[in-house]
Amino acid sequence: MDLTFATANSGELAWTAMKWILHLAAFLMVVFHCLANRKEPAPTVAWIFVAWLFPVLGPLAYLAFGIDRVPYKGFEKHLADQKLLAERKARERHSLPLAYWRSVHDALATTAPSGAAQRLEKAMDFILPEYPLLGGNSIKPLVTGDEAFPAMLNAIRNARHHIHLQTFMFKNDSSSREFLDAMAERARSGVRVRLLYDRFGSTYAVWSGLFRRYRRIPNFSIAGWTQANVLKRQFQINLRNHRKVLVVDGREAFCGGINIHDENLSVNGSPPIRDYHFALRGPIVQELQYSFLRDWHFITDENPDAILTEQYFPRIEPDGSAMIRLINSGPSATEMEIIADVFFLALALAERRLIAVTPYFVPQRDLLHAFRAAALRGVDVRLVVPARNNHVYAGLAARALYGDLLKAGVRVFERRPPFMHAKALLVDDTVAIVGTANMDARSLRLNYETNLAVYDETFHRSMRSLAEAEMELSDEVNIEDWLSRPAKQRIIENLCYLMMPVL
């Protein structure tokens, strides 16, 4: 009896020891991986504690959710970009049209106005060497789909050679079908049409079969952006292409924040989503063209011989006085967090005035500190956000940050409905940064985004007037009222802020 008990007891001890050895081994592997790869201290410490406190489940959770696979997926995009860049440079040496493209690119690279703008440009020369500042452009704001959609559809219907449209969101509604029908009509007439949509942003359109009816049309190629593939055990749905670019015949372009669906239009007296898009002409169009073709080549692997041709990069004469620099950002090796760096530099270099208009304000701590520092040194800093957000948790997370801003002297305006999806950062009276990027972790770290840094007095005045119009339709947040808000509200806001990395 004693021998049986002793044998059973020793077996239990051996099993317990084995479990501890396995737990310790898994824990040490998590620690090693965290310390070898993770840069931010708070998540690193949190994952180490989770791995120790929850045997088996902790290491499995880290394996599923804690490993940052974004750099690996971004590196695939980087390799594709470098491949196309090599093809482009080879053609520049042997093809007059692309040599002319490069000569125009270099000849119109110019110097920004003095002051903060010039210092910002010096920094951007370093972090954006492939995208120099180009002069000789025109840029016109288009407010809501009421202005943007007719202008875009007119350009599409008058296309003679090609149409390249890239967007984050299509819906299976009348606006989406109108765009697709217009492109299909031109494709049937011999115009080459390429459409690139984000599969996550356009999920409903994909599952409802919107694109299937257009796939057999000659000259009309449709591709969905995704870096997730279950067959290849790739589950990365976070890397979304948030760019919204239309290039027609290589001579005119549109870029901004407006997705293609009915909510961007006035319907039966109902106001549209408040958003900005921009019509562009001049050399900047070729930069937007190449940006589109880089993404298209990555997804479709279409032969560079077919897309790096004179027809897609025609000779463009100067068409205005605006100086513009393209700012592409995304999780690829050469573009990681570039838009965050540009935002930070703009905030740090402002001397008199800063106006930020954004639908989602959940930035990294360094950007939050840059807002506060600008206000503390006497810059007039104003932040305009929606009073009622379409993503409730994102709006609540933003409100958790108001206290730090208000105490530093930042003025916060909550724009009354309709929902405001507009994005703009205006620095002093010289530079306006506009485009697709929001001030949240997703845009700054995960999404592929396209912004423009614009130096033009007329355009800046137009954007400032738009921002002031948003403020007139806003309620300014009072610091005394804010500090006395109920504890329940503070708890909910802070809880939503904990979700910042995934907002």
Protein backbone atom coordinates (compact mmCIF):
# COMPACT_ATOMS: atom_id res chain seq x y z
CA MET A 1 0.00 0.00 0.00
CA ASP A 2 2.78 2.38 0.96
CA LEU A 3 4.66 1.45 -2.20
CA THR A 4 1.60 2.13 -4.37
CA PHE A 5 1.06 5.51 -2.70
CA ALA A 6 4.71 6.42 -3.08
CA THR A 7 4.65 5.46 -6.77
CA ALA A 8 1.51 7.51 -7.39
CA ASN A 9 2.93 10.45 -5.47
CA SER A 10 6.18 10.36 -7.40
CA GLY A 11 4.19 10.22 -10.65
CA GLU A 12 2.26 13.35 -9.65
CA LEU A 13 5.47 15.11 -8.70
CA ALA A 14 7.02 14.19 -12.04
CA TRP A 15 3.96 15.46 -13.94
CA THR A 16 3.92 18.69 -11.88
CA ALA A 17 7.61 19.18 -12.54
CA MET A 18 7.06 18.59 -16.26
CA LYS A 19 4.24 21.15 -16.34
CA TRP A 20 6.44 23.70 -14.58
CA ILE A 21 9.30 23.01 -16.98
CA LEU A 22 6.99 23.45 -20.00
CA HIS A 23 5.46 26.59 -18.48
CA LEU A 24 8.88 28.05 -17.76
CA ALA A 25 10.12 27.17 -21.25
CA ALA A 26 7.08 28.81 -22.90
CA PHE A 27 7.42 31.83 -20.61
CA LEU A 28 11.13 32.24 -21.42
CA MET A 29 10.40 31.99 -25.15
CA VAL A 30 7.80 34.77 -24.84
CA VAL A 31 10.27 36.88 -22.84
CA PHE A 32 13.01 36.29 -25.41
CA HIS A 33 10.73 37.20 -28.32
CA CYS A 34 9.38 40.29 -26.54
CA LEU A 35 12.84 41.61 -25.73
CA ALA A 36 14.17 40.78 -29.19
CA ASN A 37 11.37 42.43 -31.13
CA ARG A 38 9.05 44.74 -29.17
CA LYS A 39 9.99 48.40 -28.79
CA GLU A 40 7.27 49.81 -26.57
CA PRO A 41 7.81 49.05 -22.85
CA ALA A 42 4.19 48.95 -21.62
CA PRO A 43 2.96 46.20 -24.00
CA THR A 44 6.20 44.29 -23.45
CA VAL A 45 5.75 44.19 -19.67
CA ALA A 46 2.04 43.38 -20.05
CA TRP A 47 2.68 40.38 -22.31
CA ILE A 48 5.42 39.07 -20.01
CA PHE A 49 3.00 39.17 -17.06
CA VAL A 50 0.24 37.50 -19.09
CA ALA A 51 2.63 34.73 -20.19
CA TRP A 52 3.64 34.05 -16.55
CA LEU A 53 0.24 34.35 -14.87
CA PHE A 54 -1.71 32.23 -17.37
CA PRO A 55 0.07 28.97 -18.20
CA VAL A 56 -0.63 27.71 -21.73
CA LEU A 57 -3.29 30.37 -22.39
CA GLY A 58 -0.85 33.26 -21.90
CA PRO A 59 1.78 32.06 -24.41
CA LEU A 60 -0.96 31.02 -26.87
CA ALA A 61 -2.54 34.48 -26.60
CA TYR A 62 0.84 36.05 -27.28
CA LEU A 63 1.33 33.79 -30.29
CA ALA A 64 -2.07 34.78 -31.68
CA PHE A 65 -2.23 38.48 -30.84
CA GLY A 66 1.07 39.69 -29.39
CA ILE A 67 3.48 39.13 -32.26
CA ASP A 68 3.78 42.19 -34.48
CA ARG A 69 3.58 40.74 -37.99
CA VAL A 70 3.09 44.12 -39.62
CA PRO A 71 6.80 44.62 -40.50
CA TYR A 72 6.91 41.26 -42.29
CA LYS A 73 3.80 42.01 -44.34
CA GLY A 74 5.02 45.55 -44.97
CA PHE A 75 8.33 44.17 -46.21
CA GLU A 76 6.50 42.28 -48.97
CA LYS A 77 5.04 45.59 -50.16
CA HIS A 78 8.48 47.20 -49.90
CA LEU A 79 10.02 44.53 -52.13
CA ALA A 80 7.29 45.02 -54.74
CA ASP A 81 7.81 48.81 -54.63
CA GLN A 82 11.56 48.41 -55.06
CA LYS A 83 11.06 46.06 -58.00
CA LEU A 84 8.83 48.56 -59.78
CA LEU A 85 11.22 51.40 -58.92
CA ALA A 86 14.08 49.51 -60.58
CA GLU A 87 11.93 48.98 -63.67
CA ARG A 88 11.01 52.67 -63.72
CA LYS A 89 14.64 53.80 -63.43
CA ALA A 90 15.65 51.44 -66.24
CA ARG A 91 13.04 53.01 -68.47
CA GLU A 92 14.11 56.52 -67.50
CA ARG A 93 17.50 55.78 -69.00
CA HIS A 94 16.12 54.46 -72.27
CA SER A 95 12.75 56.13 -72.77
CA LEU A 96 12.41 59.82 -73.66
CA PRO A 97 8.92 60.22 -72.10
CA LEU A 98 10.02 58.92 -68.72
CA ALA A 99 13.29 60.82 -68.95
CA TYR A 100 11.17 63.90 -69.52
CA TRP A 101 9.04 62.90 -66.52
CA ARG A 102 12.18 62.83 -64.36
CA SER A 103 13.47 66.11 -65.79
CA VAL A 104 10.16 67.81 -65.02
CA HIS A 105 10.21 66.18 -61.61
CA ASP A 106 13.63 67.68 -60.90
CA ALA A 107 13.18 71.02 -62.64
CA LEU A 108 10.01 71.89 -60.75
CA ALA A 109 11.33 70.84 -57.37
CA THR A 110 11.38 74.17 -55.59
CA THR A 111 11.96 75.85 -52.26
CA ALA A 112 9.13 76.37 -49.81
CA PRO A 113 8.29 79.79 -48.38
CA SER A 114 10.34 81.04 -45.46
CA GLY A 115 9.70 80.27 -41.81
CA ALA A 116 8.18 77.06 -40.51
CA ALA A 117 7.35 75.84 -44.02
CA GLN A 118 10.97 75.96 -45.13
CA ARG A 119 12.15 74.08 -42.03
CA LEU A 120 9.39 71.50 -42.54
CA GLU A 121 10.45 71.01 -46.14
CA LYS A 122 14.07 70.52 -45.15
CA ALA A 123 13.02 67.70 -42.86
CA MET A 124 10.72 66.18 -45.51
CA ASP A 125 13.58 66.23 -48.03
CA PHE A 126 15.27 63.75 -45.71
CA ILE A 127 12.33 61.47 -44.87
CA LEU A 128 10.67 61.62 -48.33
CA PRO A 129 13.56 61.61 -50.81
CA GLU A 130 11.47 59.96 -53.57
CA TYR A 131 8.78 62.64 -53.37
CA PRO A 132 10.28 66.12 -53.86
CA LEU A 133 8.32 69.34 -53.61
CA LEU A 134 6.84 70.13 -57.03
CA GLY A 135 5.75 73.54 -58.31
CA GLY A 136 3.34 74.44 -61.09
CA ASN A 137 0.23 72.75 -59.75
CA SER A 138 -3.40 73.71 -59.22
CA ILE A 139 -5.49 72.31 -56.38
CA LYS A 140 -9.16 72.95 -55.67
CA PRO A 141 -11.13 71.82 -52.59
CA LEU A 142 -14.31 69.84 -53.24
CA VAL A 143 -16.58 69.76 -50.19
CA THR A 144 -18.67 66.60 -49.70
CA GLY A 145 -19.74 64.26 -52.47
CA ASP A 146 -22.12 66.96 -53.71
CA GLU A 147 -19.09 68.73 -55.21
CA ALA A 148 -16.65 65.84 -55.59
CA PHE A 149 -18.80 63.20 -57.31
CA PRO A 150 -19.97 65.35 -60.28
CA ALA A 151 -16.40 66.53 -60.92
CA MET A 152 -14.99 62.99 -60.73
CA LEU A 153 -17.75 61.53 -62.90
CA ASN A 154 -17.26 64.27 -65.47
CA ALA A 155 -13.55 63.44 -65.67
CA ILE A 156 -14.35 59.73 -66.02
CA ARG A 157 -16.94 60.29 -68.77
CA ASN A 158 -14.47 62.42 -70.72
CA ALA A 159 -11.54 60.00 -70.41
CA ARG A 160 -9.77 59.21 -73.67
CA HIS A 161 -6.99 56.78 -72.74
CA HIS A 162 -7.21 55.47 -69.17
CA ILE A 163 -8.97 55.70 -65.81
CA HIS A 164 -7.27 54.63 -62.58
CA LEU A 165 -9.51 54.66 -59.51
CA GLN A 166 -8.44 53.59 -56.03
CA THR A 167 -10.75 53.81 -53.03
CA PHE A 168 -11.17 52.37 -49.57
CA MET A 169 -14.93 51.95 -49.56
CA PHE A 170 -17.52 51.07 -52.14
CA LYS A 171 -21.05 50.21 -51.13
CA ASN A 172 -23.62 48.47 -53.27
CA ASP A 173 -25.70 51.64 -53.67
CA SER A 174 -26.64 54.11 -56.39
CA SER A 175 -23.43 56.17 -56.12
CA SER A 176 -21.18 53.12 -56.35
CA ARG A 177 -23.12 51.76 -59.31
CA GLU A 178 -23.03 55.15 -61.05
CA PHE A 179 -19.23 55.23 -60.85
CA LEU A 180 -18.91 51.63 -62.01
CA ASP A 181 -21.37 52.16 -64.85
CA ALA A 182 -19.51 55.27 -66.01
CA MET A 183 -16.19 53.41 -65.99
CA ALA A 184 -17.76 50.42 -67.74
CA GLU A 185 -19.10 52.66 -70.51
CA ARG A 186 -15.64 54.11 -71.13
CA ALA A 187 -14.06 50.65 -71.02
CA ARG A 188 -16.46 49.44 -73.72
CA SER A 189 -15.36 52.47 -75.78
CA GLY A 190 -11.73 51.35 -75.60
CA VAL A 191 -10.51 53.30 -72.56
CA ARG A 192 -8.27 51.22 -70.25
CA VAL A 193 -9.86 51.13 -66.79
CA ARG A 194 -8.26 49.86 -63.58
CA LEU A 195 -10.14 49.80 -60.27
CA LEU A 196 -8.46 49.00 -56.96
CA TYR A 197 -10.64 48.79 -53.84
CA ASP A 198 -9.86 47.73 -50.28
CA ARG A 199 -11.54 44.38 -49.56
CA PHE A 200 -12.09 45.19 -45.89
CA GLY A 201 -13.54 48.66 -46.47
CA SER A 202 -15.71 47.35 -49.32
CA THR A 203 -16.77 44.12 -47.59
CA TYR A 204 -20.50 44.62 -48.23
CA ALA A 205 -19.93 45.42 -51.90
CA VAL A 206 -17.79 42.27 -52.27
CA TRP A 207 -20.22 39.91 -50.54
CA SER A 208 -23.27 41.37 -52.29
CA GLY A 209 -21.68 40.69 -55.69
CA LEU A 210 -21.34 44.32 -56.83
CA PHE A 211 -18.07 43.81 -58.70
CA ARG A 212 -18.93 40.47 -60.32
CA ARG A 213 -21.22 42.03 -62.92
CA TYR A 214 -18.35 44.21 -64.22
CA ARG A 215 -15.53 41.67 -64.37
CA ARG A 216 -16.18 40.43 -67.91
CA ILE A 217 -16.16 43.88 -69.50
CA PRO A 218 -13.23 44.30 -71.93
CA ASN A 219 -10.55 46.82 -70.84
CA PHE A 220 -11.97 46.87 -67.27
CA SER A 221 -9.70 45.33 -64.62
CA ILE A 222 -10.86 45.14 -61.00
CA ALA A 223 -8.70 44.10 -58.04
CA GLY A 224 -9.27 44.03 -54.29
CA TRP A 225 -6.51 45.03 -51.91
CA THR A 226 -5.79 42.55 -49.13
CA GLN A 227 -2.75 41.20 -47.33
CA ALA A 228 -4.71 38.36 -45.74
CA ASN A 229 -4.77 34.89 -47.28
CA VAL A 230 -6.17 31.96 -45.30
CA LEU A 231 -4.62 29.44 -47.70
CA LYS A 232 -1.19 30.90 -46.89
CA ARG A 233 -2.02 31.16 -43.18
CA GLN A 234 -1.95 34.95 -43.44
CA PHE A 235 -4.60 36.53 -41.21
CA GLN A 236 -3.38 40.12 -41.27
CA ILE A 237 -6.58 42.12 -41.91
CA ASN A 238 -5.15 45.25 -40.27
CA LEU A 239 -3.07 46.38 -43.25
CA ARG A 240 -5.77 48.26 -45.12
CA ASN A 241 -5.33 50.50 -48.12
CA HIS A 242 -7.05 53.73 -47.11
CA ARG A 243 -5.96 55.71 -50.19
CA LYS A 244 -8.55 57.41 -52.39
CA VAL A 245 -7.06 58.45 -55.72
CA LEU A 246 -8.51 58.95 -59.20
CA VAL A 247 -6.20 59.65 -62.16
CA VAL A 248 -7.66 60.24 -65.63
CA ASP A 249 -5.47 60.21 -68.76
CA GLY A 250 -2.43 61.05 -66.63
CA ARG A 251 -3.42 64.73 -66.68
CA GLU A 252 -5.94 65.29 -63.91
CA ALA A 253 -6.33 63.68 -60.52
CA PHE A 254 -8.53 63.67 -57.45
CA CYS A 255 -7.47 62.76 -53.93
CA GLY A 256 -8.91 63.17 -50.45
CA GLY A 257 -11.06 61.58 -47.81
CA ILE A 258 -14.32 60.88 -49.64
CA ASN A 259 -15.37 57.26 -50.08
CA ILE A 260 -17.81 56.27 -52.81
CA HIS A 261 -21.27 55.74 -51.37
CA ASP A 262 -24.59 57.53 -51.02
CA GLU A 263 -23.95 58.92 -47.53
CA ASN A 264 -21.62 61.47 -49.08
CA LEU A 265 -24.52 63.04 -51.02
CA SER A 266 -27.45 65.23 -50.02
CA VAL A 267 -30.54 63.03 -50.33
CA ASN A 268 -34.13 64.16 -49.70
CA GLY A 269 -33.01 67.11 -47.60
CA SER A 270 -30.62 64.98 -45.51
CA PRO A 271 -27.13 66.56 -45.39
CA PRO A 272 -24.13 64.51 -46.54
CA ILE A 273 -21.15 63.44 -44.48
CA ARG A 274 -18.88 66.47 -44.13
CA ASP A 275 -15.71 65.62 -46.03
CA TYR A 276 -13.03 67.12 -48.29
CA HIS A 277 -11.69 65.96 -51.64
CA PHE A 278 -9.31 67.80 -54.00
CA ALA A 279 -9.06 68.25 -57.77
CA LEU A 280 -5.46 68.48 -59.00
CA ARG A 281 -3.59 69.34 -62.18
CA GLY A 282 0.13 69.74 -62.89
CA PRO A 283 3.18 67.57 -62.20
CA ILE A 284 1.72 66.26 -58.92
CA VAL A 285 -0.67 64.17 -61.06
CA GLN A 286 2.28 62.02 -62.16
CA GLU A 287 3.21 61.38 -58.54
CA LEU A 288 -0.35 60.22 -57.82
CA GLN A 289 -0.26 58.10 -60.98
CA TYR A 290 2.90 56.34 -59.88
CA SER A 291 1.47 55.88 -56.38
CA PHE A 292 -1.56 54.12 -57.85
CA LEU A 293 0.54 51.95 -60.16
CA ARG A 294 2.81 50.85 -57.29
CA ASP A 295 -0.20 49.55 -55.37
CA TRP A 296 -1.73 48.05 -58.51
CA HIS A 297 1.51 46.24 -59.39
CA PHE A 298 1.79 44.84 -55.86
CA ILE A 299 -1.71 43.34 -55.93
CA THR A 300 -1.92 42.24 -59.58
CA ASP A 301 1.76 41.79 -60.56
CA GLU A 302 0.90 43.36 -63.91
CA ASN A 303 3.94 43.58 -66.18
CA PRO A 304 5.80 46.91 -65.77
CA ASP A 305 6.10 47.03 -69.58
CA ALA A 306 2.34 47.57 -69.68
CA ILE A 307 2.10 50.31 -67.05
CA LEU A 308 5.35 52.32 -67.22
CA THR A 309 4.68 53.83 -70.62
CA GLU A 310 4.40 57.24 -72.23
CA GLN A 311 0.59 57.01 -72.32
CA TYR A 312 0.40 56.83 -68.52
CA PHE A 313 3.01 59.56 -67.98
CA PRO A 314 2.37 62.20 -70.66
CA ARG A 315 4.16 65.52 -70.81
CA ILE A 316 2.52 67.87 -68.33
CA GLU A 317 2.97 71.61 -68.45
CA PRO A 318 2.72 73.73 -65.27
CA ASP A 319 -0.91 74.46 -64.40
CA GLY A 320 -0.96 76.77 -61.40
CA SER A 321 1.18 78.23 -58.64
CA ALA A 322 0.77 75.65 -55.86
CA MET A 323 3.82 73.80 -54.59
CA ILE A 324 2.85 70.29 -53.50
CA ARG A 325 4.66 67.30 -52.04
CA LEU A 326 3.16 63.81 -52.01
CA ILE A 327 3.30 62.11 -48.61
CA ASN A 328 2.74 58.37 -48.87
CA SER A 329 2.75 56.45 -45.61
CA GLY A 330 2.20 52.83 -44.67
CA PRO A 331 3.68 49.80 -42.93
CA SER A 332 6.26 49.14 -45.66
CA ALA A 333 9.94 49.44 -44.80
CA THR A 334 10.45 52.82 -46.48
CA GLU A 335 7.15 54.45 -45.42
CA MET A 336 6.64 53.26 -41.84
CA GLU A 337 5.03 56.03 -39.74
CA ILE A 338 6.08 58.76 -42.18
CA ILE A 339 2.79 60.62 -41.85
CA ALA A 340 3.18 60.54 -38.06
CA ASP A 341 6.64 62.08 -38.43
CA VAL A 342 5.28 64.78 -40.76
CA PHE A 343 2.42 65.61 -38.37
CA PHE A 344 4.87 65.82 -35.46
CA LEU A 345 7.24 68.09 -37.38
CA ALA A 346 4.40 70.38 -38.46
CA LEU A 347 3.19 70.68 -34.87
CA ALA A 348 6.69 71.27 -33.55
CA LEU A 349 7.55 73.95 -36.13
CA ALA A 350 4.33 75.99 -35.94
CA GLU A 351 4.94 79.57 -34.87
CA ARG A 352 1.54 81.29 -34.79
CA ARG A 353 -1.46 79.10 -35.59
CA LEU A 354 -2.43 75.44 -35.82
CA ILE A 355 -5.82 74.13 -36.90
CA ALA A 356 -6.37 70.35 -36.94
CA VAL A 357 -9.56 68.90 -38.42
CA THR A 358 -9.95 65.14 -37.99
CA PRO A 359 -12.77 62.63 -37.52
CA TYR A 360 -10.74 60.32 -35.26
CA PHE A 361 -8.38 61.84 -32.72
CA VAL A 362 -6.55 59.04 -30.91
CA PRO A 363 -2.89 59.83 -31.66
CA GLN A 364 0.26 58.43 -30.12
CA ARG A 365 1.47 60.13 -26.97
CA ASP A 366 4.25 62.03 -28.76
CA LEU A 367 1.72 63.73 -31.05
CA LEU A 368 -0.48 64.57 -28.08
CA HIS A 369 2.52 66.15 -26.36
CA ALA A 370 3.33 68.07 -29.56
CA PHE A 371 -0.18 69.59 -29.53
CA ARG A 372 0.27 70.56 -25.87
CA ALA A 373 3.79 71.92 -26.40
CA ALA A 374 2.63 74.14 -29.28
CA ALA A 375 -0.13 75.64 -27.15
CA LEU A 376 2.20 76.11 -24.17
CA ARG A 377 4.66 78.10 -26.27
CA GLY A 378 1.90 80.48 -27.38
CA VAL A 379 0.69 79.00 -30.67
CA ASP A 380 -3.06 79.35 -31.23
CA VAL A 381 -3.98 75.64 -31.40
CA ARG A 382 -7.48 74.51 -32.35
CA LEU A 383 -8.77 70.97 -32.74
CA VAL A 384 -12.03 70.23 -34.58
CA VAL A 385 -13.61 66.78 -34.12
CA PRO A 386 -17.13 65.38 -34.61
CA ALA A 387 -19.55 65.80 -31.73
CA ARG A 388 -21.13 62.46 -32.67
CA ASN A 389 -18.75 59.88 -34.09
CA ASN A 390 -19.75 57.11 -36.47
CA HIS A 391 -17.52 54.82 -34.37
CA VAL A 392 -18.77 55.51 -30.86
CA TYR A 393 -15.74 53.96 -29.14
CA ALA A 394 -13.33 56.13 -31.18
CA GLY A 395 -15.20 59.29 -30.19
CA LEU A 396 -15.17 58.29 -26.52
CA ALA A 397 -11.45 57.46 -26.67
CA ALA A 398 -10.76 60.92 -28.12
CA ARG A 399 -12.71 62.57 -25.32
CA ALA A 400 -10.42 60.86 -22.79
CA LEU A 401 -7.61 63.09 -24.14
CA TYR A 402 -9.41 66.43 -23.90
CA GLY A 403 -8.23 67.15 -20.37
CA ASP A 404 -4.52 67.15 -21.28
CA LEU A 405 -5.20 69.40 -24.27
CA LEU A 406 -7.48 71.88 -22.50
CA LYS A 407 -5.12 72.32 -19.57
CA ALA A 408 -2.34 73.28 -22.01
CA GLY A 409 -4.53 75.86 -23.76
CA VAL A 410 -5.64 73.89 -26.83
CA ARG A 411 -9.14 74.88 -27.91
CA VAL A 412 -11.34 71.88 -28.73
CA PHE A 413 -14.41 72.19 -30.96
CA GLU A 414 -17.01 69.44 -31.38
CA ARG A 415 -18.62 69.77 -34.78
CA ARG A 416 -22.37 69.17 -34.67
CA PRO A 417 -23.96 66.61 -37.06
CA PRO A 418 -23.80 65.60 -39.81
CA PHE A 419 -20.76 63.44 -39.14
CA MET A 420 -17.49 65.14 -40.09
CA HIS A 421 -15.03 62.86 -41.88
CA ALA A 422 -12.77 65.71 -43.08
CA LYS A 423 -9.01 65.77 -42.50
CA ALA A 424 -6.72 68.81 -42.59
CA LEU A 425 -3.78 70.23 -40.67
CA LEU A 426 -3.13 73.95 -41.25
CA VAL A 427 0.17 75.40 -40.05
CA ASP A 428 0.56 79.16 -39.72
CA ASP A 429 -0.47 80.71 -43.06
CA THR A 430 1.82 78.68 -45.26
CA VAL A 431 1.25 74.92 -45.35
CA ALA A 432 -1.88 72.78 -45.47
CA ILE A 433 -1.57 69.00 -45.05
CA VAL A 434 -4.62 67.27 -46.52
CA GLY A 435 -5.51 63.81 -47.74
CA THR A 436 -6.62 60.47 -46.35
CA ALA A 437 -4.87 60.04 -42.99
CA ASN A 438 -6.71 60.39 -39.69
CA MET A 439 -4.98 61.18 -36.42
CA ASP A 440 -5.34 57.70 -34.97
CA ALA A 441 -3.13 54.65 -34.51
CA ARG A 442 -4.58 52.87 -37.54
CA SER A 443 -3.82 55.67 -40.02
CA LEU A 444 -0.48 56.52 -38.45
CA ARG A 445 0.86 52.96 -38.19
CA LEU A 446 -1.20 50.39 -40.08
CA ASN A 447 -3.00 51.87 -43.08
CA TYR A 448 -1.55 52.80 -46.45
CA GLU A 449 -2.34 56.53 -46.72
CA THR A 450 -1.79 59.38 -49.20
CA ASN A 451 -1.52 62.97 -48.04
CA LEU A 452 -0.41 66.18 -49.70
CA ALA A 453 1.62 69.04 -48.23
CA VAL A 454 0.43 72.14 -50.09
CA TYR A 455 2.09 75.57 -50.14
CA ASP A 456 -0.22 78.10 -51.73
CA GLU A 457 -1.78 81.21 -50.17
CA THR A 458 -5.07 80.95 -52.04
CA PHE A 459 -5.51 77.29 -51.16
CA HIS A 460 -4.55 77.92 -47.54
CA ARG A 461 -7.15 80.69 -47.28
CA SER A 462 -9.78 78.34 -48.72
CA MET A 463 -8.90 75.59 -46.24
CA ARG A 464 -8.86 78.02 -43.34
CA SER A 465 -12.31 79.27 -44.33
CA LEU A 466 -13.56 75.67 -44.39
CA ALA A 467 -12.07 74.99 -40.97
CA GLU A 468 -13.59 78.18 -39.55
CA ALA A 469 -16.96 77.14 -41.00
CA GLU A 470 -16.64 73.84 -39.12
CA MET A 471 -15.89 75.75 -35.91
CA GLU A 472 -18.91 78.00 -36.37
CA LEU A 473 -21.05 74.86 -36.45
CA SER A 474 -19.32 73.45 -33.39
CA ASP A 475 -19.65 73.64 -29.62
CA GLU A 476 -16.40 74.61 -27.92
CA VAL A 477 -15.48 72.40 -24.97
CA ASN A 478 -15.32 74.35 -21.71
CA ILE A 479 -12.58 73.18 -19.36
CA GLU A 480 -14.60 73.75 -16.18
CA ASP A 481 -17.54 71.75 -17.51
CA TRP A 482 -15.18 69.10 -18.77
CA LEU A 483 -13.41 68.60 -15.46
CA SER A 484 -16.73 68.33 -13.62
CA ARG A 485 -18.23 65.65 -15.87
CA PRO A 486 -19.61 62.53 -14.12
CA ALA A 487 -17.23 59.79 -12.98
CA LYS A 488 -19.18 57.23 -15.03
CA GLN A 489 -18.44 59.18 -18.20
CA ARG A 490 -14.72 59.39 -17.37
CA ILE A 491 -14.55 55.63 -16.75
CA ILE A 492 -16.21 54.80 -20.08
CA GLU A 493 -13.93 57.21 -21.97
CA ASN A 494 -10.79 55.86 -20.34
CA LEU A 495 -11.92 52.29 -21.01
CA CYS A 496 -12.33 53.09 -24.70
CA TYR A 497 -8.93 54.78 -24.73
CA LEU A 498 -7.37 51.48 -23.63
CA MET A 499 -8.45 50.20 -27.06
CA MET A 500 -6.34 52.89 -28.79
CA PRO A 501 -3.95 50.46 -30.54
CA VAL A 502 -6.84 48.94 -32.52
CA LEU A 503 -8.99 52.05 -33.13
